[in-house]
PDB file of N, CA and C in Angstrom:
ATOM      1  N   MET A   1      -7.848  -6.673  -9.756  1.00  0.00           N
ATOM      2  CA  MET A   1      -7.917  -8.002 -10.305  1.00  0.00           C
ATOM      3  C   MET A   1      -9.025  -8.004 -11.347  1.00  0.00           C
ATOM      4  N   ILE A   2      -8.819  -8.745 -12.398  1.00  0.00           N
ATOM      5  CA  ILE A   2      -9.789  -8.852 -13.479  1.00  0.00           C
ATOM      6  C   ILE A   2     -10.587 -10.141 -13.282  1.00  0.00           C
ATOM      7  N   GLU A   3     -11.906 -10.023 -13.246  1.00  0.00           N
ATOM      8  CA  GLU A   3     -12.764 -11.188 -13.082  1.00  0.00           C
ATOM      9  C   GLU A   3     -13.078 -11.819 -14.432  1.00  0.00           C
ATOM     10  N   GLU A   4     -13.470 -13.077 -14.373  1.00  0.00           N
ATOM     11  CA  GLU A   4     -13.887 -13.784 -15.576  1.00  0.00           C
ATOM     12  C   GLU A   4     -15.053 -13.043 -16.212  1.00  0.00           C
ATOM     13  N   GLY A   5     -15.052 -12.967 -17.534  1.00  0.00           N
ATOM     14  CA  GLY A   5     -16.119 -12.298 -18.262  1.00  0.00           C
ATOM     15  C   GLY A   5     -15.869 -10.813 -18.489  1.00  0.00           C
ATOM     16  N   HIS A   6     -14.698 -10.303 -18.097  1.00  0.00           N
ATOM     17  CA  HIS A   6     -14.376  -8.886 -18.269  1.00  0.00           C
ATOM     18  C   HIS A   6     -14.306  -8.524 -19.749  1.00  0.00           C
ATOM     19  N   THR A   7     -14.981  -7.446 -20.116  1.00  0.00           N
ATOM     20  CA  THR A   7     -14.890  -6.880 -21.464  1.00  0.00           C
ATOM     21  C   THR A   7     -14.886  -5.361 -21.332  1.00  0.00           C
ATOM     22  N   GLN A   8     -14.604  -4.679 -22.425  1.00  0.00           N
ATOM     23  CA  GLN A   8     -14.660  -3.218 -22.423  1.00  0.00           C
ATOM     24  C   GLN A   8     -16.085  -2.751 -22.124  1.00  0.00           C
ATOM     25  N   GLU A   9     -17.066  -3.465 -22.672  1.00  0.00           N
ATOM     26  CA  GLU A   9     -18.455  -3.079 -22.483  1.00  0.00           C
ATOM     27  C   GLU A   9     -18.964  -3.451 -21.093  1.00  0.00           C
ATOM     28  N   ASN A  10     -18.392  -4.484 -20.487  1.00  0.00           N
ATOM     29  CA  ASN A  10     -18.822  -4.962 -19.175  1.00  0.00           C
ATOM     30  C   ASN A  10     -17.583  -5.140 -18.289  1.00  0.00           C
ATOM     31  N   PRO A  11     -17.005  -4.022 -17.814  1.00  0.00           N
ATOM     32  CA  PRO A  11     -15.787  -4.137 -17.015  1.00  0.00           C
ATOM     33  C   PRO A  11     -16.037  -4.863 -15.700  1.00  0.00           C
ATOM     34  N   ARG A  12     -15.197  -5.847 -15.414  1.00  0.00           N
ATOM     35  CA  ARG A  12     -15.303  -6.620 -14.175  1.00  0.00           C
ATOM     36  C   ARG A  12     -13.947  -6.569 -13.493  1.00  0.00           C
ATOM     37  N   VAL A  13     -13.683  -5.431 -12.867  1.00  0.00           N
ATOM     38  CA  VAL A  13     -12.400  -5.182 -12.223  1.00  0.00           C
ATOM     39  C   VAL A  13     -12.643  -4.914 -10.743  1.00  0.00           C
ATOM     40  N   LYS A  14     -11.842  -5.536  -9.886  1.00  0.00           N
ATOM     41  CA  LYS A  14     -11.943  -5.302  -8.446  1.00  0.00           C
ATOM     42  C   LYS A  14     -10.599  -4.814  -7.927  1.00  0.00           C
ATOM     43  N   LEU A  15     -10.654  -3.868  -7.014  1.00  0.00           N
ATOM     44  CA  LEU A  15      -9.445  -3.367  -6.381  1.00  0.00           C
ATOM     45  C   LEU A  15      -8.876  -4.452  -5.476  1.00  0.00           C
ATOM     46  N   PHE A  16      -7.626  -4.803  -5.677  1.00  0.00           N
ATOM     47  CA  PHE A  16      -6.976  -5.858  -4.902  1.00  0.00           C
ATOM     48  C   PHE A  16      -6.280  -5.303  -3.663  1.00  0.00           C
ATOM     49  N   GLY A  17      -5.682  -4.150  -3.782  1.00  0.00           N
ATOM     50  CA  GLY A  17      -4.969  -3.572  -2.656  1.00  0.00           C
ATOM     51  C   GLY A  17      -4.464  -2.184  -3.009  1.00  0.00           C
ATOM     52  N   ILE A  18      -3.967  -1.501  -2.009  1.00  0.00           N
ATOM     53  CA  ILE A  18      -3.424  -0.156  -2.177  1.00  0.00           C
ATOM     54  C   ILE A  18      -2.024  -0.145  -1.578  1.00  0.00           C
ATOM     55  N   ALA A  19      -1.075   0.374  -2.314  1.00  0.00           N
ATOM     56  CA  ALA A  19       0.304   0.465  -1.821  1.00  0.00           C
ATOM     57  C   ALA A  19       0.393   1.527  -0.729  1.00  0.00           C
ATOM     58  N   PRO A  20       1.340   1.379   0.202  1.00  0.00           N
ATOM     59  CA  PRO A  20       1.538   2.399   1.241  1.00  0.00           C
ATOM     60  C   PRO A  20       1.875   3.765   0.638  1.00  0.00           C
ATOM     61  N   LEU A  21       1.677   4.808   1.411  1.00  0.00           N
ATOM     62  CA  LEU A  21       1.967   6.177   0.998  1.00  0.00           C
ATOM     63  C   LEU A  21       3.379   6.277   0.436  1.00  0.00           C
ATOM     64  N   GLY A  22       3.511   6.853  -0.744  1.00  0.00           N
ATOM     65  CA  GLY A  22       4.819   7.067  -1.351  1.00  0.00           C
ATOM     66  C   GLY A  22       5.409   5.834  -2.004  1.00  0.00           C
ATOM     67  N   ALA A  23       4.632   4.772  -2.172  1.00  0.00           N
ATOM     68  CA  ALA A  23       5.147   3.522  -2.737  1.00  0.00           C
ATOM     69  C   ALA A  23       4.372   3.146  -3.990  1.00  0.00           C
ATOM     70  N   GLU A  24       4.881   2.114  -4.662  1.00  0.00           N
ATOM     71  CA  GLU A  24       4.170   1.581  -5.811  1.00  0.00           C
ATOM     72  C   GLU A  24       4.351   0.066  -5.875  1.00  0.00           C
ATOM     73  N   PRO A  25       3.295  -0.659  -6.255  1.00  0.00           N
ATOM     74  CA  PRO A  25       3.461  -2.093  -6.462  1.00  0.00           C
ATOM     75  C   PRO A  25       4.289  -2.297  -7.728  1.00  0.00           C
ATOM     76  N   THR A  26       5.281  -3.183  -7.675  1.00  0.00           N
ATOM     77  CA  THR A  26       6.201  -3.322  -8.809  1.00  0.00           C
ATOM     78  C   THR A  26       6.266  -4.714  -9.393  1.00  0.00           C
ATOM     79  N   GLY A  27       5.587  -5.641  -8.830  1.00  0.00           N
ATOM     80  CA  GLY A  27       5.619  -6.981  -9.391  1.00  0.00           C
ATOM     81  C   GLY A  27       4.585  -7.839  -8.715  1.00  0.00           C
ATOM     82  N   ILE A  28       3.944  -8.683  -9.493  1.00  0.00           N
ATOM     83  CA  ILE A  28       2.983  -9.623  -8.945  1.00  0.00           C
ATOM     84  C   ILE A  28       3.111 -10.903  -9.764  1.00  0.00           C
ATOM     85  N   ILE A  29       3.258 -12.022  -9.070  1.00  0.00           N
ATOM     86  CA  ILE A  29       3.383 -13.302  -9.751  1.00  0.00           C
ATOM     87  C   ILE A  29       2.852 -14.406  -8.847  1.00  0.00           C
ATOM     88  N   PHE A  30       2.241 -15.401  -9.453  1.00  0.00           N
ATOM     89  CA  PHE A  30       1.770 -16.576  -8.728  1.00  0.00           C
ATOM     90  C   PHE A  30       2.780 -17.701  -8.881  1.00  0.00           C
ATOM     91  N   THR A  31       2.805 -18.604  -7.896  1.00  0.00           N
ATOM     92  CA  THR A  31       3.557 -19.837  -8.065  1.00  0.00           C
ATOM     93  C   THR A  31       2.829 -20.669  -9.125  1.00  0.00           C
ATOM     94  N   PRO A  32       3.519 -21.628  -9.760  1.00  0.00           N
ATOM     95  CA  PRO A  32       2.873 -22.416 -10.816  1.00  0.00           C
ATOM     96  C   PRO A  32       1.592 -23.129 -10.370  1.00  0.00           C
ATOM     97  N   ASP A  33       1.483 -23.479  -9.091  1.00  0.00           N
ATOM     98  CA  ASP A  33       0.275 -24.152  -8.601  1.00  0.00           C
ATOM     99  C   ASP A  33      -0.801 -23.167  -8.139  1.00  0.00           C
ATOM    100  N   PHE A  34      -0.532 -21.863  -8.250  1.00  0.00           N
ATOM    101  CA  PHE A  34      -1.452 -20.784  -7.877  1.00  0.00           C
ATOM    102  C   PHE A  34      -1.812 -20.776  -6.391  1.00  0.00           C
ATOM    103  N   LYS A  35      -0.991 -21.381  -5.546  1.00  0.00           N
ATOM    104  CA  LYS A  35      -1.255 -21.375  -4.109  1.00  0.00           C
ATOM    105  C   LYS A  35      -0.727 -20.112  -3.438  1.00  0.00           C
ATOM    106  N   TYR A  36       0.293 -19.496  -4.009  1.00  0.00           N
ATOM    107  CA  TYR A  36       0.932 -18.330  -3.392  1.00  0.00           C
ATOM    108  C   TYR A  36       1.066 -17.216  -4.407  1.00  0.00           C
ATOM    109  N   LEU A  37       0.875 -16.003  -3.937  1.00  0.00           N
ATOM    110  CA  LEU A  37       1.041 -14.821  -4.760  1.00  0.00           C
ATOM    111  C   LEU A  37       2.163 -13.989  -4.143  1.00  0.00           C
ATOM    112  N   PHE A  38       3.104 -13.575  -4.932  1.00  0.00           N
ATOM    113  CA  PHE A  38       4.192 -12.708  -4.477  1.00  0.00           C
ATOM    114  C   PHE A  38       3.952 -11.312  -5.039  1.00  0.00           C
ATOM    115  N   LEU A  39       4.019 -10.324  -4.169  1.00  0.00           N
ATOM    116  CA  LEU A  39       3.793  -8.936  -4.547  1.00  0.00           C
ATOM    117  C   LEU A  39       4.918  -8.087  -3.976  1.00  0.00           C
ATOM    118  N   SER A  40       5.574  -7.325  -4.844  1.00  0.00           N
ATOM    119  CA  SER A  40       6.647  -6.432  -4.400  1.00  0.00           C
ATOM    120  C   SER A  40       6.123  -5.013  -4.312  1.00  0.00           C
ATOM    121  N   ILE A  41       6.604  -4.296  -3.297  1.00  0.00           N
ATOM    122  CA  ILE A  41       6.266  -2.882  -3.125  1.00  0.00           C
ATOM    123  C   ILE A  41       7.577  -2.124  -3.030  1.00  0.00           C
ATOM    124  N   GLN A  42       7.714  -1.129  -3.885  1.00  0.00           N
ATOM    125  CA  GLN A  42       8.961  -0.382  -3.986  1.00  0.00           C
ATOM    126  C   GLN A  42       8.841   0.997  -3.376  1.00  0.00           C
ATOM    127  N   GLY A  43       9.803   1.335  -2.540  1.00  0.00           N
ATOM    128  CA  GLY A  43      10.032   2.677  -2.085  1.00  0.00           C
ATOM    129  C   GLY A  43       8.973   3.383  -1.276  1.00  0.00           C
ATOM    130  N   PRO A  44       8.377   2.750  -0.247  1.00  0.00           N
ATOM    131  CA  PRO A  44       7.481   3.540   0.603  1.00  0.00           C
ATOM    132  C   PRO A  44       8.248   4.684   1.254  1.00  0.00           C
ATOM    133  N   ASP A  45       7.565   5.746   1.499  1.00  0.00           N
ATOM    134  CA  ASP A  45       8.155   6.909   2.157  1.00  0.00           C
ATOM    135  C   ASP A  45       8.663   6.514   3.545  1.00  0.00           C
ATOM    136  N   ALA A  46       9.926   6.746   3.840  1.00  0.00           N
ATOM    137  CA  ALA A  46      10.530   6.361   5.127  1.00  0.00           C
ATOM    138  C   ALA A  46       9.857   7.056   6.304  1.00  0.00           C
ATOM    139  N   THR A  47       9.168   8.166   6.055  1.00  0.00           N
ATOM    140  CA  THR A  47       8.488   8.868   7.140  1.00  0.00           C
ATOM    141  C   THR A  47       7.065   8.355   7.341  1.00  0.00           C
ATOM    142  N   ASN A  48       6.666   7.373   6.556  1.00  0.00           N
ATOM    143  CA  ASN A  48       5.314   6.840   6.650  1.00  0.00           C
ATOM    144  C   ASN A  48       5.208   5.967   7.894  1.00  0.00           C
ATOM    145  N   ASN A  49       4.564   6.459   8.928  1.00  0.00           N
ATOM    146  CA  ASN A  49       4.401   5.682  10.152  1.00  0.00           C
ATOM    147  C   ASN A  49       2.955   5.235  10.353  1.00  0.00           C
ATOM    148  N   MET A  50       2.146   5.363   9.316  1.00  0.00           N
ATOM    149  CA  MET A  50       0.729   5.036   9.437  1.00  0.00           C
ATOM    150  C   MET A  50       0.382   3.682   8.815  1.00  0.00           C
ATOM    151  N   THR A  51       1.332   3.050   8.136  1.00  0.00           N
ATOM    152  CA  THR A  51       1.014   1.848   7.388  1.00  0.00           C
ATOM    153  C   THR A  51       1.596   0.623   8.075  1.00  0.00           C
ATOM    154  N   GLU A  52       0.797  -0.023   8.905  1.00  0.00           N
ATOM    155  CA  GLU A  52       1.193  -1.258   9.563  1.00  0.00           C
ATOM    156  C   GLU A  52       0.166  -2.324   9.243  1.00  0.00           C
ATOM    157  N   GLN A  53       0.619  -3.546   9.210  1.00  0.00           N
ATOM    158  CA  GLN A  53      -0.252  -4.676   8.891  1.00  0.00           C
ATOM    159  C   GLN A  53       0.097  -5.823   9.824  1.00  0.00           C
ATOM    160  N   ILE A  54      -0.886  -6.580  10.228  1.00  0.00           N
ATOM    161  CA  ILE A  54      -0.652  -7.773  11.038  1.00  0.00           C
ATOM    162  C   ILE A  54      -0.404  -8.940  10.087  1.00  0.00           C
ATOM    163  N   ASP A  55       0.723  -9.648  10.255  1.00  0.00           N
ATOM    164  CA  ASP A  55       1.017 -10.777   9.376  1.00  0.00           C
ATOM    165  C   ASP A  55       0.346 -12.050   9.880  1.00  0.00           C
ATOM    166  N   ALA A  56       0.556 -13.155   9.167  1.00  0.00           N
ATOM    167  CA  ALA A  56      -0.121 -14.420   9.472  1.00  0.00           C
ATOM    168  C   ALA A  56       0.251 -14.963  10.847  1.00  0.00           C
ATOM    169  N   ALA A  57       1.407 -14.576  11.366  1.00  0.00           N
ATOM    170  CA  ALA A  57       1.846 -15.040  12.691  1.00  0.00           C
ATOM    171  C   ALA A  57       1.409 -14.081  13.798  1.00  0.00           C
ATOM    172  N   GLY A  58       0.691 -13.005  13.439  1.00  0.00           N
ATOM    173  CA  GLY A  58       0.213 -12.058  14.442  1.00  0.00           C
ATOM    174  C   GLY A  58       1.177 -10.925  14.747  1.00  0.00           C
ATOM    175  N   ASN A  59       2.261 -10.817  13.978  1.00  0.00           N
ATOM    176  CA  ASN A  59       3.243  -9.749  14.192  1.00  0.00           C
ATOM    177  C   ASN A  59       2.819  -8.486  13.452  1.00  0.00           C
ATOM    178  N   SER A  60       3.057  -7.329  14.059  1.00  0.00           N
ATOM    179  CA  SER A  60       2.783  -6.058  13.410  1.00  0.00           C
ATOM    180  C   SER A  60       3.988  -5.700  12.539  1.00  0.00           C
ATOM    181  N   ILE A  61       3.754  -5.507  11.255  1.00  0.00           N
ATOM    182  CA  ILE A  61       4.814  -5.204  10.308  1.00  0.00           C
ATOM    183  C   ILE A  61       4.618  -3.781   9.806  1.00  0.00           C
ATOM    184  N   LYS A  62       5.673  -2.964   9.876  1.00  0.00           N
ATOM    185  CA  LYS A  62       5.626  -1.585   9.389  1.00  0.00           C
ATOM    186  C   LYS A  62       6.224  -1.539   7.986  1.00  0.00           C
ATOM    187  N   PHE A  63       5.508  -0.942   7.053  1.00  0.00           N
ATOM    188  CA  PHE A  63       5.978  -0.822   5.682  1.00  0.00           C
ATOM    189  C   PHE A  63       6.688   0.511   5.504  1.00  0.00           C
ATOM    190  N   ASP A  64       7.971   0.555   5.857  1.00  0.00           N
ATOM    191  CA  ASP A  64       8.747   1.789   5.686  1.00  0.00           C
ATOM    192  C   ASP A  64       9.998   1.533   4.858  1.00  0.00           C
ATOM    193  N   ASN A  65       9.972   0.477   4.049  1.00  0.00           N
ATOM    194  CA  ASN A  65      11.100   0.123   3.199  1.00  0.00           C
ATOM    195  C   ASN A  65      10.574  -0.762   2.084  1.00  0.00           C
ATOM    196  N   HIS A  66      11.440  -1.114   1.116  1.00  0.00           N
ATOM    197  CA  HIS A  66      11.029  -2.041   0.072  1.00  0.00           C
ATOM    198  C   HIS A  66      10.609  -3.347   0.733  1.00  0.00           C
ATOM    199  N   VAL A  67       9.610  -4.009   0.182  1.00  0.00           N
ATOM    200  CA  VAL A  67       9.103  -5.229   0.805  1.00  0.00           C
ATOM    201  C   VAL A  67       8.502  -6.134  -0.267  1.00  0.00           C
ATOM    202  N   SER A  68       8.574  -7.433  -0.013  1.00  0.00           N
ATOM    203  CA  SER A  68       7.867  -8.412  -0.834  1.00  0.00           C
ATOM    204  C   SER A  68       6.875  -9.133   0.068  1.00  0.00           C
ATOM    205  N   LEU A  69       5.659  -9.244  -0.382  1.00  0.00           N
ATOM    206  CA  LEU A  69       4.608  -9.906   0.377  1.00  0.00           C
ATOM    207  C   LEU A  69       4.281 -11.243  -0.271  1.00  0.00           C
ATOM    208  N   VAL A  70       3.968 -12.215   0.557  1.00  0.00           N
ATOM    209  CA  VAL A  70       3.489 -13.503   0.070  1.00  0.00           C
ATOM    210  C   VAL A  70       2.069 -13.653   0.580  1.00  0.00           C
ATOM    211  N   LEU A  71       1.127 -13.862  -0.326  1.00  0.00           N
ATOM    212  CA  LEU A  71      -0.270 -14.018   0.041  1.00  0.00           C
ATOM    213  C   LEU A  71      -0.722 -15.418  -0.312  1.00  0.00           C
ATOM    214  N   ALA A  72      -1.543 -16.000   0.572  1.00  0.00           N
ATOM    215  CA  ALA A  72      -2.049 -17.343   0.331  1.00  0.00           C
ATOM    216  C   ALA A  72      -3.319 -17.546   1.132  1.00  0.00           C
ATOM    217  N   LEU A  73      -4.095 -18.529   0.737  1.00  0.00           N
ATOM    218  CA  LEU A  73      -5.232 -18.942   1.546  1.00  0.00           C
ATOM    219  C   LEU A  73      -4.695 -19.547   2.845  1.00  0.00           C
ATOM    220  N   LYS A  74      -5.439 -19.410   3.896  1.00  0.00           N
ATOM    221  CA  LYS A  74      -4.996 -19.885   5.214  1.00  0.00           C
ATOM    222  C   LYS A  74      -4.569 -21.347   5.172  1.00  0.00           C
ATOM    223  N   GLU A  75      -5.312 -22.182   4.467  1.00  0.00           N
ATOM    224  CA  GLU A  75      -4.979 -23.604   4.443  1.00  0.00           C
ATOM    225  C   GLU A  75      -3.668 -23.902   3.710  1.00  0.00           C
ATOM    226  N   ASN A  76      -3.136 -22.947   2.954  1.00  0.00           N
ATOM    227  CA  ASN A  76      -1.861 -23.146   2.264  1.00  0.00           C
ATOM    228  C   ASN A  76      -0.668 -22.620   3.053  1.00  0.00           C
ATOM    229  N   LEU A  77      -0.905 -21.995   4.205  1.00  0.00           N
ATOM    230  CA  LEU A  77       0.192 -21.408   4.969  1.00  0.00           C
ATOM    231  C   LEU A  77       0.887 -22.403   5.893  1.00  0.00           C
ATOM    232  N   GLY A  78       0.285 -23.537   6.173  1.00  0.00           N
ATOM    233  CA  GLY A  78       0.887 -24.500   7.075  1.00  0.00           C
ATOM    234  C   GLY A  78       0.525 -24.168   8.509  1.00  0.00           C
ATOM    235  N   ILE A  79       1.302 -24.692   9.435  1.00  0.00           N
ATOM    236  CA  ILE A  79       1.029 -24.520  10.858  1.00  0.00           C
ATOM    237  C   ILE A  79       1.543 -23.157  11.314  1.00  0.00           C
ATOM    238  N   ILE A  80       0.673 -22.395  11.963  1.00  0.00           N
ATOM    239  CA  ILE A  80       1.040 -21.089  12.520  1.00  0.00           C
ATOM    240  C   ILE A  80       0.874 -21.164  14.024  1.00  0.00           C
ATOM    241  N   GLU A  81       1.954 -20.915  14.745  1.00  0.00           N
ATOM    242  CA  GLU A  81       1.890 -20.969  16.206  1.00  0.00           C
ATOM    243  C   GLU A  81       1.950 -19.595  16.804  1.00  0.00           C
TER     244      GLU A  81
END
C-alpha cells in the first residue's frame, strides 16, 4: 500500500499481504464508499496445505483454489454470531 506523501525520494510503501504459495494477487478494488476491499487470488498450488486463515466468523479457510477475499473494518462487517 502506498502512504500519503510517497515520492521517489521518500518512498512510503507498506506490505499489505502475501499471496499463498504458488499464487498471485490479481485484482484489488474498493467499494465506492471505501468500506470494503475486494482482493482476488489466482491459482494457489493445489498441494499447498500450509495456508489457512481464520475468517470473520471464526471458520478456518484453506487457500487451495482461486479465491476472492473481502476485507473490512470490524464495524463494517455487521453482526457476527
